[in-house]
Amino acid sequence: MTSLLPLATALGVAVLAASPAASCEQGAFAPSTEEHLQPLSVPASEIGAWLTASPYSSGIHFTSELHGRDLWLDITDFPERTPEVGSIRALMQLGRVVDADFDRLVLVDGQEALFVIAETDLRSVGCQFIWPANTGTNPIDLMRRMIEALREENGGGPIKGLSETGSAGTSVNAVAIVEDHLNVAWVESARPGATAPDIPDQRPDHMVGLEAPRVQASAMPAGERLAFNGL
C-alpha cells in the first residue's frame, strides 16, 4: 500500500509566450462561497502579505512587489517543518485570488529572477484549486500542471527535471522537481536553522503522506481522491 520510489530527472526545452490577462470565468472554475477562495480578490501588490497571513501557508513568509507588468514573489522564511510542497501550493493559491494587474509572475530570490509563469497559465490552475478541503480538481494534477507551466527566467526553458515530453509524469516525480529544483533555487536561502518552529500541517482528512526531506507516496482505495500533505 505504501511505496518509496527512486526519483530521476531530465531536461526539456520550451518557449514562454506572452498571454493576455485572464479571469476565472474564462476557463475551468471550481466555485466556492468561502471568503478566502474568492477569485481575483487580492490586489497583486498585496499578495505577499496575504499569503504570509494565511492560516494555510504553514508559516511561510512572502514578499511581493510589482515591476511594471511583472509581479515579483519572494519567499523570505520557510520553517523547517513546513511541507516541501508548500511552495507550489502557494502558487496555486495565488493563481486563484490575486487580481489581474500583471502579465507574468516572477519567482525571485532577493533581486534575482529565477522562474516565470504567464498570468493565464497561473490562472488556469489556480481557478480550480480549493483549500483546505479537497473538493475541487485533484490537487496533484494541478501541481503537475503548475510545474509544467513554470519557465526558467534565464533562457525560457522549462523548469529542470521535466521529462523530454514536457510532462511532470507521476506525482512522485512532480514532487521531486519541486524539492530538487524549484525549492533548491527559490526556497533554500529562506530556510532557518534547526530551531525553526514546528508548524502544524493544514491537511485534509484523507491524503497521501509527504514529508521533507524524503518523499513518501501511499496508494488509496480505488475511487478515493489523492492529495499530498501540504496541498
C-alpha atoms as a PDB file:
ATOM      1  CA  MET A   1       0.000   0.000   0.000  1.00  0.00           C
ATOM      2  CA  THR A   2       2.974   2.276   0.624  1.00  0.00           C
ATOM      3  CA  SER A   3       5.774   2.693  -1.899  1.00  0.00           C
ATOM      4  CA  LEU A   4       9.040   4.585  -1.730  1.00  0.00           C
ATOM      5  CA  LEU A   5      10.174   5.301  -5.281  1.00  0.00           C
ATOM      6  CA  PRO A   6      13.533   6.482  -6.613  1.00  0.00           C
ATOM      7  CA  LEU A   7      13.312   9.788  -8.449  1.00  0.00           C
ATOM      8  CA  ALA A   8      15.000  10.637 -11.739  1.00  0.00           C
ATOM      9  CA  THR A   9      15.178  13.933 -13.608  1.00  0.00           C
ATOM     10  CA  ALA A  10      15.767  15.118 -17.204  1.00  0.00           C
ATOM     11  CA  LEU A  11      15.832  18.365 -19.163  1.00  0.00           C
ATOM     12  CA  GLY A  12      13.351  19.713 -21.736  1.00  0.00           C
ATOM     13  CA  VAL A  13      13.121  22.884 -23.846  1.00  0.00           C
ATOM     14  CA  ALA A  14      10.186  25.258 -24.373  1.00  0.00           C
ATOM     15  CA  VAL A  15       9.497  28.939 -25.017  1.00  0.00           C
ATOM     16  CA  LEU A  16       7.387  31.270 -22.829  1.00  0.00           C
ATOM     17  CA  ALA A  17       4.906  33.307 -24.829  1.00  0.00           C
ATOM     18  CA  ALA A  18       3.140  36.442 -23.652  1.00  0.00           C
ATOM     19  CA  SER A  19      -0.554  35.974 -22.873  1.00  0.00           C
ATOM     20  CA  PRO A  20      -3.476  38.321 -22.319  1.00  0.00           C
ATOM     21  CA  ALA A  21      -4.978  38.745 -18.866  1.00  0.00           C
ATOM     22  CA  ALA A  22      -7.476  36.102 -17.751  1.00  0.00           C
ATOM     23  CA  SER A  23     -10.196  35.598 -15.182  1.00  0.00           C
ATOM     24  CA  CYS A  24     -11.644  32.505 -13.552  1.00  0.00           C
ATOM     25  CA  GLU A  25     -14.840  32.863 -15.568  1.00  0.00           C
ATOM     26  CA  GLN A  26     -12.940  32.426 -18.847  1.00  0.00           C
ATOM     27  CA  GLY A  27     -11.996  28.811 -18.176  1.00  0.00           C
ATOM     28  CA  ALA A  28     -12.436  25.869 -15.818  1.00  0.00           C
ATOM     29  CA  PHE A  29     -13.514  27.110 -12.413  1.00  0.00           C
ATOM     30  CA  ALA A  30     -14.248  25.444  -9.076  1.00  0.00           C
ATOM     31  CA  PRO A  31     -16.648  27.888  -7.358  1.00  0.00           C
ATOM     32  CA  SER A  32     -16.833  28.437  -3.621  1.00  0.00           C
ATOM     33  CA  THR A  33     -18.570  30.814  -1.237  1.00  0.00           C
ATOM     34  CA  GLU A  34     -15.651  30.773   1.221  1.00  0.00           C
ATOM     35  CA  GLU A  35     -14.190  34.246   1.714  1.00  0.00           C
ATOM     36  CA  HIS A  36     -10.586  33.123   1.289  1.00  0.00           C
ATOM     37  CA  LEU A  37     -11.420  31.469  -2.046  1.00  0.00           C
ATOM     38  CA  GLN A  38     -12.946  34.442  -3.857  1.00  0.00           C
ATOM     39  CA  PRO A  39     -11.202  34.799  -7.238  1.00  0.00           C
ATOM     40  CA  LEU A  40      -9.240  37.935  -8.128  1.00  0.00           C
ATOM     41  CA  SER A  41      -9.986  39.365  -4.677  1.00  0.00           C
ATOM     42  CA  VAL A  42      -6.450  40.328  -3.557  1.00  0.00           C
ATOM     43  CA  PRO A  43      -4.508  43.218  -5.140  1.00  0.00           C
ATOM     44  CA  ALA A  44      -1.348  41.983  -6.830  1.00  0.00           C
ATOM     45  CA  SER A  45       0.751  44.422  -4.802  1.00  0.00           C
ATOM     46  CA  GLU A  46      -0.563  42.875  -1.555  1.00  0.00           C
ATOM     47  CA  ILE A  47      -0.409  39.167  -2.394  1.00  0.00           C
ATOM     48  CA  GLY A  48       2.825  38.527  -0.480  1.00  0.00           C
ATOM     49  CA  ALA A  49       1.338  39.868   2.749  1.00  0.00           C
ATOM     50  CA  TRP A  50      -1.914  37.979   2.103  1.00  0.00           C
ATOM     51  CA  LEU A  51      -0.107  34.658   1.656  1.00  0.00           C
ATOM     52  CA  THR A  52       2.023  35.283   4.759  1.00  0.00           C
ATOM     53  CA  ALA A  53      -1.073  35.970   6.859  1.00  0.00           C
ATOM     54  CA  SER A  54      -2.990  32.974   5.519  1.00  0.00           C
ATOM     55  CA  PRO A  55      -3.504  30.138   8.039  1.00  0.00           C
ATOM     56  CA  TYR A  56      -2.925  27.763   5.119  1.00  0.00           C
ATOM     57  CA  SER A  57       0.662  28.852   4.404  1.00  0.00           C
ATOM     58  CA  SER A  58       2.254  26.679   7.125  1.00  0.00           C
ATOM     59  CA  GLY A  59       4.329  29.583   8.400  1.00  0.00           C
ATOM     60  CA  ILE A  60       5.956  30.554   5.083  1.00  0.00           C
ATOM     61  CA  HIS A  61       6.681  34.284   4.745  1.00  0.00           C
ATOM     62  CA  PHE A  62       6.437  36.016   1.370  1.00  0.00           C
ATOM     63  CA  THR A  63       7.156  39.431  -0.074  1.00  0.00           C
ATOM     64  CA  SER A  64       5.743  40.752  -3.328  1.00  0.00           C
ATOM     65  CA  GLU A  65       6.076  43.844  -5.486  1.00  0.00           C
ATOM     66  CA  LEU A  66       5.062  44.968  -8.951  1.00  0.00           C
ATOM     67  CA  HIS A  67       7.762  45.773 -11.513  1.00  0.00           C
ATOM     68  CA  GLY A  68       5.829  47.135 -14.460  1.00  0.00           C
ATOM     69  CA  ARG A  69       3.641  44.256 -15.612  1.00  0.00           C
ATOM     70  CA  ASP A  70       5.721  41.672 -13.708  1.00  0.00           C
ATOM     71  CA  LEU A  71       4.639  40.537 -10.236  1.00  0.00           C
ATOM     72  CA  TRP A  72       7.668  39.526  -8.164  1.00  0.00           C
ATOM     73  CA  LEU A  73       7.205  36.959  -5.389  1.00  0.00           C
ATOM     74  CA  ASP A  74       9.929  36.011  -2.903  1.00  0.00           C
ATOM     75  CA  ILE A  75       9.974  33.534  -0.011  1.00  0.00           C
ATOM     76  CA  THR A  76      11.783  35.061   2.956  1.00  0.00           C
ATOM     77  CA  ASP A  77      11.152  32.423   5.643  1.00  0.00           C
ATOM     78  CA  PHE A  78      10.455  28.716   5.148  1.00  0.00           C
ATOM     79  CA  PRO A  79      10.162  26.956   8.523  1.00  0.00           C
ATOM     80  CA  GLU A  80      11.910  23.627   8.918  1.00  0.00           C
ATOM     81  CA  ARG A  81       8.720  21.603   9.398  1.00  0.00           C
ATOM     82  CA  THR A  82       6.818  23.181   6.520  1.00  0.00           C
ATOM     83  CA  PRO A  83       5.917  20.600   3.842  1.00  0.00           C
ATOM     84  CA  GLU A  84       8.134  20.947   0.781  1.00  0.00           C
ATOM     85  CA  VAL A  85       5.065  21.316  -1.430  1.00  0.00           C
ATOM     86  CA  GLY A  86       4.149  24.486   0.467  1.00  0.00           C
ATOM     87  CA  SER A  87       5.938  26.474  -2.226  1.00  0.00           C
ATOM     88  CA  ILE A  88       3.915  25.107  -5.145  1.00  0.00           C
ATOM     89  CA  ARG A  89       0.711  25.245  -3.090  1.00  0.00           C
ATOM     90  CA  ALA A  90       1.257  28.983  -2.601  1.00  0.00           C
ATOM     91  CA  LEU A  91       1.465  29.450  -6.376  1.00  0.00           C
ATOM     92  CA  MET A  92      -1.838  27.639  -6.841  1.00  0.00           C
ATOM     93  CA  GLN A  93      -3.465  29.756  -4.135  1.00  0.00           C
ATOM     94  CA  LEU A  94      -2.086  32.930  -5.673  1.00  0.00           C
ATOM     95  CA  GLY A  95      -3.409  31.905  -9.071  1.00  0.00           C
ATOM     96  CA  ARG A  96      -6.939  31.901  -7.724  1.00  0.00           C
ATOM     97  CA  VAL A  97      -7.106  35.003  -5.523  1.00  0.00           C
ATOM     98  CA  VAL A  98      -4.718  37.578  -6.995  1.00  0.00           C
ATOM     99  CA  ASP A  99      -6.157  40.249  -9.272  1.00  0.00           C
ATOM    100  CA  ALA A 100      -5.186  40.553 -12.938  1.00  0.00           C
ATOM    101  CA  ASP A 101      -2.926  43.612 -12.679  1.00  0.00           C
ATOM    102  CA  PHE A 102       0.126  41.800 -14.119  1.00  0.00           C
ATOM    103  CA  ASP A 103       1.209  39.709 -17.101  1.00  0.00           C
ATOM    104  CA  ARG A 104       3.801  37.422 -15.530  1.00  0.00           C
ATOM    105  CA  LEU A 105       4.521  36.077 -12.064  1.00  0.00           C
ATOM    106  CA  VAL A 106       8.267  36.105 -11.435  1.00  0.00           C
ATOM    107  CA  LEU A 107       9.693  33.976  -8.619  1.00  0.00           C
ATOM    108  CA  VAL A 108      12.690  35.786  -7.206  1.00  0.00           C
ATOM    109  CA  ASP A 109      15.335  35.271  -4.563  1.00  0.00           C
ATOM    110  CA  GLY A 110      16.121  38.775  -3.381  1.00  0.00           C
ATOM    111  CA  GLN A 111      16.711  40.655  -6.626  1.00  0.00           C
ATOM    112  CA  GLU A 112      17.485  37.549  -8.707  1.00  0.00           C
ATOM    113  CA  ALA A 113      14.698  36.403 -11.042  1.00  0.00           C
ATOM    114  CA  LEU A 114      14.543  32.598 -11.135  1.00  0.00           C
ATOM    115  CA  PHE A 115      11.293  31.358 -12.679  1.00  0.00           C
ATOM    116  CA  VAL A 116       8.351  32.895 -14.521  1.00  0.00           C
ATOM    117  CA  ILE A 117       4.813  31.844 -15.339  1.00  0.00           C
ATOM    118  CA  ALA A 118       2.311  33.625 -17.561  1.00  0.00           C
ATOM    119  CA  GLU A 119      -0.749  35.008 -15.783  1.00  0.00           C
ATOM    120  CA  THR A 120      -3.097  32.972 -17.959  1.00  0.00           C
ATOM    121  CA  ASP A 121      -1.289  29.709 -17.123  1.00  0.00           C
ATOM    122  CA  LEU A 122      -1.243  30.625 -13.451  1.00  0.00           C
ATOM    123  CA  ARG A 123      -4.978  31.380 -13.554  1.00  0.00           C
ATOM    124  CA  SER A 124      -5.914  28.191 -15.386  1.00  0.00           C
ATOM    125  CA  VAL A 125      -4.534  26.171 -12.471  1.00  0.00           C
ATOM    126  CA  GLY A 126      -5.442  28.450  -9.576  1.00  0.00           C
ATOM    127  CA  CYS A 127      -9.094  28.842 -10.531  1.00  0.00           C
ATOM    128  CA  GLN A 128      -9.576  25.105  -9.980  1.00  0.00           C
ATOM    129  CA  PHE A 129      -7.755  24.913  -6.648  1.00  0.00           C
ATOM    130  CA  ILE A 130      -9.828  24.622  -3.451  1.00  0.00           C
ATOM    131  CA  TRP A 131      -8.256  24.536   0.020  1.00  0.00           C
ATOM    132  CA  PRO A 132      -8.079  23.265   2.687  1.00  0.00           C
ATOM    133  CA  ALA A 133     -10.838  20.735   1.864  1.00  0.00           C
ATOM    134  CA  ASN A 134     -10.077  18.678  -1.225  1.00  0.00           C
ATOM    135  CA  THR A 135     -13.333  19.370  -3.105  1.00  0.00           C
ATOM    136  CA  GLY A 136     -12.040  20.848  -6.352  1.00  0.00           C
ATOM    137  CA  THR A 137      -9.904  19.397  -9.123  1.00  0.00           C
ATOM    138  CA  ASN A 138      -7.378  16.809  -7.948  1.00  0.00           C
ATOM    139  CA  PRO A 139      -4.580  18.959  -6.421  1.00  0.00           C
ATOM    140  CA  ILE A 140      -1.921  16.519  -7.627  1.00  0.00           C
ATOM    141  CA  ASP A 141      -2.985  17.087 -11.224  1.00  0.00           C
ATOM    142  CA  LEU A 142      -2.965  20.843 -10.635  1.00  0.00           C
ATOM    143  CA  MET A 143       0.511  20.632  -9.105  1.00  0.00           C
ATOM    144  CA  ARG A 144       1.790  18.823 -12.205  1.00  0.00           C
ATOM    145  CA  ARG A 145       0.255  21.454 -14.477  1.00  0.00           C
ATOM    146  CA  MET A 146       1.766  24.300 -12.474  1.00  0.00           C
ATOM    147  CA  ILE A 147       5.212  22.720 -12.678  1.00  0.00           C
ATOM    148  CA  GLU A 148       4.850  22.256 -16.429  1.00  0.00           C
ATOM    149  CA  ALA A 149       3.878  25.918 -16.867  1.00  0.00           C
ATOM    150  CA  LEU A 150       6.891  27.271 -14.957  1.00  0.00           C
ATOM    151  CA  ARG A 151       9.791  28.557 -17.059  1.00  0.00           C
ATOM    152  CA  GLU A 152      13.364  29.401 -16.214  1.00  0.00           C
ATOM    153  CA  GLU A 153      13.770  33.173 -16.357  1.00  0.00           C
ATOM    154  CA  ASN A 154      17.207  32.706 -17.901  1.00  0.00           C
ATOM    155  CA  GLY A 155      16.516  31.239 -21.343  1.00  0.00           C
ATOM    156  CA  GLY A 156      12.806  30.494 -21.067  1.00  0.00           C
ATOM    157  CA  GLY A 157      13.183  26.722 -20.868  1.00  0.00           C
ATOM    158  CA  PRO A 158      11.007  24.532 -18.633  1.00  0.00           C
ATOM    159  CA  ILE A 159      11.976  24.015 -15.025  1.00  0.00           C
ATOM    160  CA  LYS A 160      14.754  21.456 -14.706  1.00  0.00           C
ATOM    161  CA  GLY A 161      13.586  17.937 -14.071  1.00  0.00           C
ATOM    162  CA  LEU A 162      10.793  17.759 -16.611  1.00  0.00           C
ATOM    163  CA  SER A 163      10.900  14.775 -18.908  1.00  0.00           C
ATOM    164  CA  GLU A 164      11.690  15.199 -22.584  1.00  0.00           C
ATOM    165  CA  THR A 165       7.954  15.197 -23.293  1.00  0.00           C
ATOM    166  CA  GLY A 166       7.489  18.261 -21.086  1.00  0.00           C
ATOM    167  CA  SER A 167       5.355  16.335 -18.590  1.00  0.00           C
ATOM    168  CA  ALA A 168       5.802  16.164 -14.825  1.00  0.00           C
ATOM    169  CA  GLY A 169       4.888  12.477 -15.107  1.00  0.00           C
ATOM    170  CA  THR A 170       3.980  10.756 -11.860  1.00  0.00           C
ATOM    171  CA  SER A 171       3.084  12.586  -8.680  1.00  0.00           C
ATOM    172  CA  VAL A 172       6.324  11.404  -7.075  1.00  0.00           C
ATOM    173  CA  ASN A 173       8.356  12.785  -9.976  1.00  0.00           C
ATOM    174  CA  ALA A 174       6.468  16.076  -9.733  1.00  0.00           C
ATOM    175  CA  VAL A 175       7.278  16.379  -6.046  1.00  0.00           C
ATOM    176  CA  ALA A 176      10.926  15.568  -6.771  1.00  0.00           C
ATOM    177  CA  ILE A 177      11.010  18.501  -9.216  1.00  0.00           C
ATOM    178  CA  VAL A 178       9.585  20.777  -6.537  1.00  0.00           C
ATOM    179  CA  GLU A 179      12.100  19.626  -3.932  1.00  0.00           C
ATOM    180  CA  ASP A 180      15.207  19.277  -6.098  1.00  0.00           C
ATOM    181  CA  HIS A 181      14.785  22.216  -8.485  1.00  0.00           C
ATOM    182  CA  LEU A 182      12.102  24.731  -7.539  1.00  0.00           C
ATOM    183  CA  ASN A 183      12.877  24.716  -3.811  1.00  0.00           C
ATOM    184  CA  VAL A 184      16.641  24.438  -4.138  1.00  0.00           C
ATOM    185  CA  ALA A 185      16.632  27.637  -6.184  1.00  0.00           C
ATOM    186  CA  TRP A 186      13.729  29.585  -4.657  1.00  0.00           C
ATOM    187  CA  VAL A 187      13.431  28.394  -1.054  1.00  0.00           C
ATOM    188  CA  GLU A 188      16.926  27.440   0.105  1.00  0.00           C
ATOM    189  CA  SER A 189      18.043  30.912   1.192  1.00  0.00           C
ATOM    190  CA  ALA A 190      14.855  31.292   3.275  1.00  0.00           C
ATOM    191  CA  ARG A 191      15.387  28.173   5.384  1.00  0.00           C
ATOM    192  CA  PRO A 192      16.223  28.894   9.042  1.00  0.00           C
ATOM    193  CA  GLY A 193      18.356  26.732  11.317  1.00  0.00           C
ATOM    194  CA  ALA A 194      17.287  23.712  13.306  1.00  0.00           C
ATOM    195  CA  THR A 195      15.475  25.922  15.825  1.00  0.00           C
ATOM    196  CA  ALA A 196      12.638  26.702  13.407  1.00  0.00           C
ATOM    197  CA  PRO A 197       9.162  26.382  14.999  1.00  0.00           C
ATOM    198  CA  ASP A 198       7.083  23.286  14.411  1.00  0.00           C
ATOM    199  CA  ILE A 199       4.295  24.462  12.077  1.00  0.00           C
ATOM    200  CA  PRO A 200       1.262  22.118  12.034  1.00  0.00           C
ATOM    201  CA  ASP A 201       0.162  20.793   8.669  1.00  0.00           C
ATOM    202  CA  GLN A 202      -3.063  22.096   7.117  1.00  0.00           C
ATOM    203  CA  ARG A 203      -4.140  18.750   5.779  1.00  0.00           C
ATOM    204  CA  PRO A 204      -7.425  17.196   4.632  1.00  0.00           C
ATOM    205  CA  ASP A 205      -8.528  14.060   6.477  1.00  0.00           C
ATOM    206  CA  HIS A 206      -7.612  11.629   3.704  1.00  0.00           C
ATOM    207  CA  MET A 207      -4.303  12.135   1.981  1.00  0.00           C
ATOM    208  CA  VAL A 208      -1.011  10.740   0.901  1.00  0.00           C
ATOM    209  CA  GLY A 209       1.832  11.453   3.320  1.00  0.00           C
ATOM    210  CA  LEU A 210       4.564  13.692   2.003  1.00  0.00           C
ATOM    211  CA  GLU A 211       7.266  14.844   4.406  1.00  0.00           C
ATOM    212  CA  ALA A 212      10.583  16.523   3.636  1.00  0.00           C
ATOM    213  CA  PRO A 213      13.278  15.567   3.017  1.00  0.00           C
ATOM    214  CA  ARG A 214      12.114  12.134   1.805  1.00  0.00           C
ATOM    215  CA  VAL A 215       9.117  11.554  -0.452  1.00  0.00           C
ATOM    216  CA  GLN A 216       6.511   9.063   0.666  1.00  0.00           C
ATOM    217  CA  ALA A 217       3.592   8.131  -1.578  1.00  0.00           C
ATOM    218  CA  SER A 218       0.710   5.955  -0.369  1.00  0.00           C
ATOM    219  CA  ALA A 219      -1.946   4.395  -2.583  1.00  0.00           C
ATOM    220  CA  MET A 220      -5.574   4.904  -1.606  1.00  0.00           C
ATOM    221  CA  PRO A 221      -8.596   2.682  -2.335  1.00  0.00           C
ATOM    222  CA  ALA A 222      -9.946   2.981  -5.853  1.00  0.00           C
ATOM    223  CA  GLY A 223     -12.348   5.856  -6.260  1.00  0.00           C
ATOM    224  CA  GLU A 224     -10.847   7.977  -3.476  1.00  0.00           C
ATOM    225  CA  ARG A 225      -9.196  11.235  -4.424  1.00  0.00           C
ATOM    226  CA  LEU A 226      -5.465  11.578  -3.833  1.00  0.00           C
ATOM    227  CA  ALA A 227      -3.921  14.562  -2.113  1.00  0.00           C
ATOM    228  CA  PHE A 228      -0.483  15.478  -0.806  1.00  0.00           C
ATOM    229  CA  ASN A 229       0.447  16.583   2.668  1.00  0.00           C
ATOM    230  CA  GLY A 230       0.520  20.339   2.312  1.00  0.00           C
ATOM    231  CA  LEU A 231      -1.741  20.664  -0.740  1.00  0.00           C
END
